[in-house]
C-alpha cells in the first residue's frame, strides 16, 4: 500500500526515511496485540511477555533507525533466540512434541530447537550481508537489540 501511494520507492526500503512509516504501523499493531493478549485471562503470561519483548525491540529499532540502518531482520532473530533461551531456562518442555498433522509427531528437545534457531539466525544475517543490505555493525546491533528486548520484557513482567 505504501508503494502504491508513492510513500516508498521499493519494497526493499533501502533508505532509512522510508522505514519510518512501516515501523510506526507495525508498532501500533504489535502494541494492540500485546494489550489484547495481556487482557485475556486465558493467555499464558509467557506469551504476552514475548509480545512485549517484540514491541520493545521494534520501537528500539525504530529509534535506532534515526541514526543508523539497523537490521530489522536480525532484531527479530535476536528476539527469537532470546525467547528460546528464556524457554530453555525457565520452561519445562522436555521433551518437546511437535504435531505434524497426518505425518505424526516429532519428539525433540528445547536445546535442539535453540540450535536450529541459532542456525536460522545465522543464515538470516548471512543473507543480509550477501544481499549487501547491511554492514556487520547493523546486524550485530540488531541481534543485540532483539535479544535484550526479550530479556528486558521477561525481567519486567515475570521476574
C-alpha atoms as a PDB file:
ATOM      1  CA  UNK A   1       0.000   0.000   0.000  1.00  0.00           C
ATOM      2  CA  UNK A   2       2.847   2.382   0.834  1.00  0.00           C
ATOM      3  CA  UNK A   3       4.415   1.640  -2.562  1.00  0.00           C
ATOM      4  CA  UNK A   4       1.093   2.236  -4.318  1.00  0.00           C
ATOM      5  CA  UNK A   5       0.679   5.580  -2.526  1.00  0.00           C
ATOM      6  CA  UNK A   6       4.211   6.610  -3.516  1.00  0.00           C
ATOM      7  CA  UNK A   7       5.464   6.816   0.058  1.00  0.00           C
ATOM      8  CA  UNK A   8       8.261   4.309  -0.608  1.00  0.00           C
ATOM      9  CA  UNK A   9      10.263   3.665  -3.776  1.00  0.00           C
ATOM     10  CA  UNK A  10      10.558  -0.107  -3.431  1.00  0.00           C
ATOM     11  CA  UNK A  11       9.618  -2.976  -1.157  1.00  0.00           C
ATOM     12  CA  UNK A  12      13.256  -3.175  -0.043  1.00  0.00           C
ATOM     13  CA  UNK A  13      13.075   0.104   1.935  1.00  0.00           C
ATOM     14  CA  UNK A  14      16.717   0.916   1.263  1.00  0.00           C
ATOM     15  CA  UNK A  15      16.517   4.434   2.707  1.00  0.00           C
ATOM     16  CA  UNK A  16      16.191   4.965   6.472  1.00  0.00           C
ATOM     17  CA  UNK A  17      13.436   7.540   5.916  1.00  0.00           C
ATOM     18  CA  UNK A  18      11.291   5.014   4.030  1.00  0.00           C
ATOM     19  CA  UNK A  19      11.292   2.760   7.084  1.00  0.00           C
ATOM     20  CA  UNK A  20       9.596   5.251   9.403  1.00  0.00           C
ATOM     21  CA  UNK A  21       6.024   4.564   8.236  1.00  0.00           C
ATOM     22  CA  UNK A  22       6.305   0.756   8.299  1.00  0.00           C
ATOM     23  CA  UNK A  23       7.900   0.870  11.755  1.00  0.00           C
ATOM     24  CA  UNK A  24       5.078   3.032  13.144  1.00  0.00           C
ATOM     25  CA  UNK A  25       2.318   0.968  11.536  1.00  0.00           C
ATOM     26  CA  UNK A  26       3.836  -2.330  12.696  1.00  0.00           C
ATOM     27  CA  UNK A  27       4.497  -0.930  16.167  1.00  0.00           C
ATOM     28  CA  UNK A  28       0.851   0.079  16.561  1.00  0.00           C
ATOM     29  CA  UNK A  29      -0.342  -3.408  15.610  1.00  0.00           C
ATOM     30  CA  UNK A  30       2.193  -5.106  17.913  1.00  0.00           C
ATOM     31  CA  UNK A  31       1.151  -2.852  20.790  1.00  0.00           C
ATOM     32  CA  UNK A  32      -2.522  -3.648  20.090  1.00  0.00           C
ATOM     33  CA  UNK A  33      -1.685  -7.374  20.098  1.00  0.00           C
ATOM     34  CA  UNK A  34       0.147  -7.041  23.425  1.00  0.00           C
ATOM     35  CA  UNK A  35      -2.799  -5.211  25.041  1.00  0.00           C
ATOM     36  CA  UNK A  36      -5.249  -7.847  23.816  1.00  0.00           C
ATOM     37  CA  UNK A  37      -3.042 -10.719  24.994  1.00  0.00           C
ATOM     38  CA  UNK A  38      -2.440  -9.037  28.356  1.00  0.00           C
ATOM     39  CA  UNK A  39      -6.183  -8.559  28.954  1.00  0.00           C
ATOM     40  CA  UNK A  40      -7.077 -12.138  28.035  1.00  0.00           C
ATOM     41  CA  UNK A  41      -7.253 -14.206  31.248  1.00  0.00           C
ATOM     42  CA  UNK A  42      -6.731 -17.421  29.268  1.00  0.00           C
ATOM     43  CA  UNK A  43      -3.423 -16.251  27.761  1.00  0.00           C
ATOM     44  CA  UNK A  44      -0.297 -17.652  29.432  1.00  0.00           C
ATOM     45  CA  UNK A  45       1.890 -14.809  30.775  1.00  0.00           C
ATOM     46  CA  UNK A  46       4.900 -16.039  28.801  1.00  0.00           C
ATOM     47  CA  UNK A  47       3.015 -15.349  25.529  1.00  0.00           C
ATOM     48  CA  UNK A  48       2.289 -11.704  26.224  1.00  0.00           C
ATOM     49  CA  UNK A  49       5.762 -11.297  27.694  1.00  0.00           C
ATOM     50  CA  UNK A  50       7.254 -12.360  24.365  1.00  0.00           C
ATOM     51  CA  UNK A  51       4.926  -9.998  22.512  1.00  0.00           C
ATOM     52  CA  UNK A  52       6.019  -7.157  24.812  1.00  0.00           C
ATOM     53  CA  UNK A  53       9.637  -8.041  24.010  1.00  0.00           C
ATOM     54  CA  UNK A  54       8.778  -7.770  20.328  1.00  0.00           C
ATOM     55  CA  UNK A  55       7.150  -4.368  20.892  1.00  0.00           C
ATOM     56  CA  UNK A  56      10.218  -3.132  22.778  1.00  0.00           C
ATOM     57  CA  UNK A  57      12.569  -4.463  20.101  1.00  0.00           C
ATOM     58  CA  UNK A  58      10.519  -2.890  17.320  1.00  0.00           C
ATOM     59  CA  UNK A  59      10.404   0.549  18.929  1.00  0.00           C
ATOM     60  CA  UNK A  60      14.113   0.402  19.801  1.00  0.00           C
ATOM     61  CA  UNK A  61      14.844  -0.441  16.163  1.00  0.00           C
ATOM     62  CA  UNK A  62      12.642   2.492  15.130  1.00  0.00           C
ATOM     63  CA  UNK A  63      14.606   4.923  17.306  1.00  0.00           C
ATOM     64  CA  UNK A  64      17.990   3.497  16.317  1.00  0.00           C
ATOM     65  CA  UNK A  65      16.901   3.782  12.672  1.00  0.00           C
ATOM     66  CA  UNK A  66      17.080   7.563  13.073  1.00  0.00           C
ATOM     67  CA  UNK A  67      20.859   7.324  13.450  1.00  0.00           C
ATOM     68  CA  UNK A  68      21.813   4.037  11.816  1.00  0.00           C
ATOM     69  CA  UNK A  69      20.297   1.496   9.423  1.00  0.00           C
ATOM     70  CA  UNK A  70      19.814  -1.328  11.936  1.00  0.00           C
ATOM     71  CA  UNK A  71      18.640  -4.647  10.518  1.00  0.00           C
ATOM     72  CA  UNK A  72      15.031  -5.334  11.465  1.00  0.00           C
ATOM     73  CA  UNK A  73      15.563  -8.929  10.291  1.00  0.00           C
ATOM     74  CA  UNK A  74      18.257  -9.513  12.902  1.00  0.00           C
ATOM     75  CA  UNK A  75      16.226  -7.696  15.568  1.00  0.00           C
ATOM     76  CA  UNK A  76      13.574 -10.356  15.015  1.00  0.00           C
ATOM     77  CA  UNK A  77      16.094 -13.185  15.044  1.00  0.00           C
ATOM     78  CA  UNK A  78      17.790 -11.852  18.182  1.00  0.00           C
ATOM     79  CA  UNK A  79      14.352 -11.758  19.808  1.00  0.00           C
ATOM     80  CA  UNK A  80      13.714 -15.340  18.731  1.00  0.00           C
ATOM     81  CA  UNK A  81      16.983 -16.504  20.284  1.00  0.00           C
ATOM     82  CA  UNK A  82      16.149 -14.567  23.455  1.00  0.00           C
ATOM     83  CA  UNK A  83      12.716 -16.235  23.631  1.00  0.00           C
ATOM     84  CA  UNK A  84      14.192 -19.687  23.103  1.00  0.00           C
ATOM     85  CA  UNK A  85      16.814 -19.147  25.807  1.00  0.00           C
ATOM     86  CA  UNK A  86      14.145 -17.990  28.249  1.00  0.00           C
ATOM     87  CA  UNK A  87      12.039 -21.061  27.459  1.00  0.00           C
ATOM     88  CA  UNK A  88      15.083 -23.317  27.802  1.00  0.00           C
ATOM     89  CA  UNK A  89      15.975 -21.840  31.182  1.00  0.00           C
ATOM     90  CA  UNK A  90      12.551 -21.379  32.757  1.00  0.00           C
ATOM     91  CA  UNK A  91      10.248 -23.699  30.819  1.00  0.00           C
ATOM     92  CA  UNK A  92       9.549 -27.339  31.419  1.00  0.00           C
ATOM     93  CA  UNK A  93       9.135 -28.506  27.861  1.00  0.00           C
ATOM     94  CA  UNK A  94      11.444 -31.531  27.591  1.00  0.00           C
ATOM     95  CA  UNK A  95      10.622 -33.466  25.574  1.00  0.00           C
ATOM     96  CA  UNK A  96       9.026 -31.111  23.063  1.00  0.00           C
ATOM     97  CA  UNK A  97       6.358 -32.733  20.929  1.00  0.00           C
ATOM     98  CA  UNK A  98       5.694 -31.083  17.570  1.00  0.00           C
ATOM     99  CA  UNK A  99       2.492 -32.298  15.956  1.00  0.00           C
ATOM    100  CA  UNK A 100       2.898 -32.582  12.173  1.00  0.00           C
ATOM    101  CA  UNK A 101      -0.682 -33.425  11.302  1.00  0.00           C
ATOM    102  CA  UNK A 102      -1.081 -36.659   9.387  1.00  0.00           C
ATOM    103  CA  UNK A 103       2.695 -37.193   9.280  1.00  0.00           C
ATOM    104  CA  UNK A 104       2.863 -37.838  13.006  1.00  0.00           C
ATOM    105  CA  UNK A 105       4.629 -36.319  15.998  1.00  0.00           C
ATOM    106  CA  UNK A 106       8.233 -35.118  16.114  1.00  0.00           C
ATOM    107  CA  UNK A 107       9.895 -35.576  19.501  1.00  0.00           C
ATOM    108  CA  UNK A 108      12.815 -33.244  20.252  1.00  0.00           C
ATOM    109  CA  UNK A 109      14.329 -31.067  22.999  1.00  0.00           C
ATOM    110  CA  UNK A 110      14.464 -27.307  23.615  1.00  0.00           C
ATOM    111  CA  UNK A 111      18.229 -27.494  23.180  1.00  0.00           C
ATOM    112  CA  UNK A 112      17.792 -28.818  19.656  1.00  0.00           C
ATOM    113  CA  UNK A 113      15.236 -26.128  18.864  1.00  0.00           C
ATOM    114  CA  UNK A 114      17.639 -23.481  20.207  1.00  0.00           C
ATOM    115  CA  UNK A 115      20.449 -24.785  17.988  1.00  0.00           C
ATOM    116  CA  UNK A 116      18.159 -24.726  14.952  1.00  0.00           C
ATOM    117  CA  UNK A 117      17.121 -21.169  15.866  1.00  0.00           C
ATOM    118  CA  UNK A 118      20.769 -20.078  16.093  1.00  0.00           C
ATOM    119  CA  UNK A 119      21.460 -21.662  12.703  1.00  0.00           C
ATOM    120  CA  UNK A 120      18.496 -19.873  11.129  1.00  0.00           C
ATOM    121  CA  UNK A 121      19.549 -16.569  12.762  1.00  0.00           C
ATOM    122  CA  UNK A 122      22.997 -17.018  11.243  1.00  0.00           C
ATOM    123  CA  UNK A 123      21.504 -17.735   7.820  1.00  0.00           C
ATOM    124  CA  UNK A 124      19.351 -14.607   8.025  1.00  0.00           C
ATOM    125  CA  UNK A 125      22.378 -12.464   8.914  1.00  0.00           C
ATOM    126  CA  UNK A 126      24.462 -14.051   6.177  1.00  0.00           C
ATOM    127  CA  UNK A 127      21.744 -13.433   3.598  1.00  0.00           C
ATOM    128  CA  UNK A 128      21.517  -9.756   4.604  1.00  0.00           C
ATOM    129  CA  UNK A 129      25.292  -9.445   4.080  1.00  0.00           C
ATOM    130  CA  UNK A 130      25.220 -11.294   0.751  1.00  0.00           C
ATOM    131  CA  UNK A 131      22.430  -9.016  -0.472  1.00  0.00           C
ATOM    132  CA  UNK A 132      24.585  -6.060   0.633  1.00  0.00           C
ATOM    133  CA  UNK A 133      21.587  -4.690   2.516  1.00  0.00           C
ATOM    134  CA  UNK A 134      23.570  -4.062   5.725  1.00  0.00           C
ATOM    135  CA  UNK A 135      27.008  -3.780   7.241  1.00  0.00           C
ATOM    136  CA  UNK A 136      28.236  -6.083  10.006  1.00  0.00           C
ATOM    137  CA  UNK A 137      27.523  -3.496  12.714  1.00  0.00           C
ATOM    138  CA  UNK A 138      23.884  -3.199  11.569  1.00  0.00           C
ATOM    139  CA  UNK A 139      23.475  -6.957  12.008  1.00  0.00           C
ATOM    140  CA  UNK A 140      25.228  -7.218  15.368  1.00  0.00           C
ATOM    141  CA  UNK A 141      23.221  -4.285  16.679  1.00  0.00           C
ATOM    142  CA  UNK A 142      20.006  -5.923  15.509  1.00  0.00           C
ATOM    143  CA  UNK A 143      20.796  -9.215  17.216  1.00  0.00           C
ATOM    144  CA  UNK A 144      21.645  -7.389  20.448  1.00  0.00           C
ATOM    145  CA  UNK A 145      18.530  -5.194  20.398  1.00  0.00           C
ATOM    146  CA  UNK A 146      16.182  -8.144  19.802  1.00  0.00           C
ATOM    147  CA  UNK A 147      17.863 -10.303  22.423  1.00  0.00           C
ATOM    148  CA  UNK A 148      17.995  -7.527  25.033  1.00  0.00           C
ATOM    149  CA  UNK A 149      14.360  -6.552  24.398  1.00  0.00           C
ATOM    150  CA  UNK A 150      13.156 -10.079  25.195  1.00  0.00           C
ATOM    151  CA  UNK A 151      15.264 -10.281  28.354  1.00  0.00           C
ATOM    152  CA  UNK A 152      14.037  -6.855  29.450  1.00  0.00           C
ATOM    153  CA  UNK A 153      10.367  -7.765  28.915  1.00  0.00           C
ATOM    154  CA  UNK A 154      10.870 -11.027  30.803  1.00  0.00           C
ATOM    155  CA  UNK A 155      12.550  -9.189  33.649  1.00  0.00           C
ATOM    156  CA  UNK A 156       9.745  -6.596  33.856  1.00  0.00           C
ATOM    157  CA  UNK A 157       6.769  -8.961  33.741  1.00  0.00           C
ATOM    158  CA  UNK A 158       7.834 -12.322  35.101  1.00  0.00           C
ATOM    159  CA  UNK A 159      10.742 -11.857  37.496  1.00  0.00           C
END
